[in-house]
C-alpha atoms as a PDB file:
ATOM      1  CA  MET A   1      18.332  19.160 -27.948  1.00  0.00           C
ATOM      2  CA  GLN A   2      17.494  19.253 -31.626  1.00  0.00           C
ATOM      3  CA  VAL A   3      17.052  16.196 -33.809  1.00  0.00           C
ATOM      4  CA  LYS A   4      20.141  17.108 -35.823  1.00  0.00           C
ATOM      5  CA  ASP A   5      22.224  16.801 -32.639  1.00  0.00           C
ATOM      6  CA  MET A   6      20.922  13.326 -31.707  1.00  0.00           C
ATOM      7  CA  THR A   7      22.701  10.048 -32.184  1.00  0.00           C
ATOM      8  CA  VAL A   8      20.953   7.325 -34.146  1.00  0.00           C
ATOM      9  CA  GLU A   9      20.199   5.483 -30.889  1.00  0.00           C
ATOM     10  CA  GLN A  10      18.732   8.616 -29.263  1.00  0.00           C
ATOM     11  CA  LEU A  11      16.530   9.198 -32.303  1.00  0.00           C
ATOM     12  CA  ARG A  12      15.349   5.569 -32.269  1.00  0.00           C
ATOM     13  CA  ASP A  13      14.506   5.868 -28.563  1.00  0.00           C
ATOM     14  CA  LEU A  14      12.601   9.096 -29.187  1.00  0.00           C
ATOM     15  CA  ILE A  15      10.615   7.544 -32.041  1.00  0.00           C
ATOM     16  CA  ARG A  16       9.916   4.380 -30.031  1.00  0.00           C
ATOM     17  CA  HIS A  17       8.727   6.398 -27.029  1.00  0.00           C
ATOM     18  CA  THR A  18       6.565   8.650 -29.210  1.00  0.00           C
ATOM     19  CA  VAL A  19       4.927   5.685 -30.960  1.00  0.00           C
ATOM     20  CA  GLU A  20       4.261   3.975 -27.609  1.00  0.00           C
ATOM     21  CA  GLN A  21       2.664   7.145 -26.254  1.00  0.00           C
ATOM     22  CA  CYS A  22       0.479   7.567 -29.337  1.00  0.00           C
ATOM     23  CA  LEU A  23      -0.683   3.951 -29.239  1.00  0.00           C
ATOM     24  CA  GLU A  24      -1.444   4.200 -25.529  1.00  0.00           C
ATOM     25  CA  GLU A  25      -3.438   7.396 -26.061  1.00  0.00           C
ATOM     26  CA  TYR A  26      -5.310   5.948 -29.037  1.00  0.00           C
ATOM     27  CA  PHE A  27      -6.062   2.465 -27.723  1.00  0.00           C
ATOM     28  CA  GLY A  28      -5.744   2.959 -23.998  1.00  0.00           C
ATOM     29  CA  ASP A  29      -5.485  -0.032 -21.723  1.00  0.00           C
ATOM     30  CA  PRO A  30      -8.122  -2.594 -22.753  1.00  0.00           C
ATOM     31  CA  ASP A  31      -7.779  -4.309 -19.371  1.00  0.00           C
ATOM     32  CA  SER A  32      -8.249  -1.140 -17.375  1.00  0.00           C
ATOM     33  CA  GLY A  33     -10.776  -1.642 -14.604  1.00  0.00           C
ATOM     34  CA  LEU A  34     -10.835  -5.423 -14.950  1.00  0.00           C
ATOM     35  CA  GLU A  35      -9.883  -7.656 -12.060  1.00  0.00           C
ATOM     36  CA  VAL A  36      -7.325 -10.429 -12.301  1.00  0.00           C
ATOM     37  CA  LYS A  37      -8.465 -13.841 -11.153  1.00  0.00           C
ATOM     38  CA  GLU A  38      -6.572 -15.110  -8.120  1.00  0.00           C
ATOM     39  CA  GLU A  39      -5.292 -18.137 -10.058  1.00  0.00           C
ATOM     40  CA  VAL A  40      -3.855 -15.919 -12.810  1.00  0.00           C
ATOM     41  CA  ARG A  41      -2.345 -13.520 -10.260  1.00  0.00           C
ATOM     42  CA  HIS A  42      -0.668 -16.464  -8.503  1.00  0.00           C
ATOM     43  CA  LYS A  43       0.765 -17.808 -11.786  1.00  0.00           C
ATOM     44  CA  LEU A  44       2.090 -14.366 -12.755  1.00  0.00           C
ATOM     45  CA  LEU A  45       3.801 -13.892  -9.392  1.00  0.00           C
ATOM     46  CA  GLU A  46       5.267 -17.392  -9.614  1.00  0.00           C
ATOM     47  CA  SER A  47       6.549 -16.647 -13.121  1.00  0.00           C
ATOM     48  CA  ILE A  48       8.184 -13.414 -11.929  1.00  0.00           C
ATOM     49  CA  LYS A  49       9.962 -15.249  -9.090  1.00  0.00           C
ATOM     50  CA  ILE A  50      11.230 -17.917 -11.492  1.00  0.00           C
ATOM     51  CA  LYS A  51      12.489 -15.285 -13.949  1.00  0.00           C
ATOM     52  CA  GLN A  52      14.213 -13.326 -11.165  1.00  0.00           C
ATOM     53  CA  ALA A  53      15.953 -16.532 -10.111  1.00  0.00           C
ATOM     54  CA  GLY A  54      17.335 -16.769 -13.655  1.00  0.00           C
ATOM     55  CA  GLU A  55      15.379 -19.859 -14.588  1.00  0.00           C
ATOM     56  CA  ASN A  56      13.098 -20.561 -17.538  1.00  0.00           C
ATOM     57  CA  SER A  57       9.483 -20.875 -16.496  1.00  0.00           C
ATOM     58  CA  ILE A  58       8.776 -23.132 -19.477  1.00  0.00           C
ATOM     59  CA  GLU A  59      11.380 -25.256 -21.158  1.00  0.00           C
ATOM     60  CA  PRO A  60      11.819 -24.550 -24.886  1.00  0.00           C
ATOM     61  CA  GLY A  61      10.917 -28.143 -25.791  1.00  0.00           C
ATOM     62  CA  GLU A  62       7.639 -27.798 -23.910  1.00  0.00           C
ATOM     63  CA  VAL A  63       6.828 -24.650 -25.875  1.00  0.00           C
ATOM     64  CA  TYR A  64       7.505 -26.447 -29.156  1.00  0.00           C
ATOM     65  CA  GLN A  65       5.338 -29.365 -28.050  1.00  0.00           C
ATOM     66  CA  LYS A  66       2.435 -27.108 -27.029  1.00  0.00           C
ATOM     67  CA  LEU A  67       2.636 -25.324 -30.374  1.00  0.00           C
ATOM     68  CA  GLY A  68       2.852 -28.604 -32.275  1.00  0.00           C
ATOM     69  CA  MET A  69       6.263 -27.769 -33.660  1.00  0.00           C
ATOM     70  CA  LYS A  70       9.411 -29.845 -33.945  1.00  0.00           C
ATOM     71  CA  ALA A  71      12.335 -28.635 -31.867  1.00  0.00           C
ATOM     72  CA  ILE A  72      15.275 -27.391 -33.905  1.00  0.00           C
ATOM     73  CA  ALA A  73      18.719 -28.403 -32.656  1.00  0.00           C
ATOM     74  CA  LEU A  74      21.090 -25.475 -32.538  1.00  0.00           C
END
């Protein structure tokens, strides 16, 4: 397929994929070869389970509080 035959969305996806590949090749994975602490691994797995259950792992108000921001009512 040629670029002239692509939809805007297909072109965006191609550009996004190309940029991601270039960045990965240039920077690589800075964490490659490092080990994850058991505590961090446990928290990540717990977070994944919570997300899969459709729940928020951290309430928005808690995020605002940790960042020292005021919550905005929508």
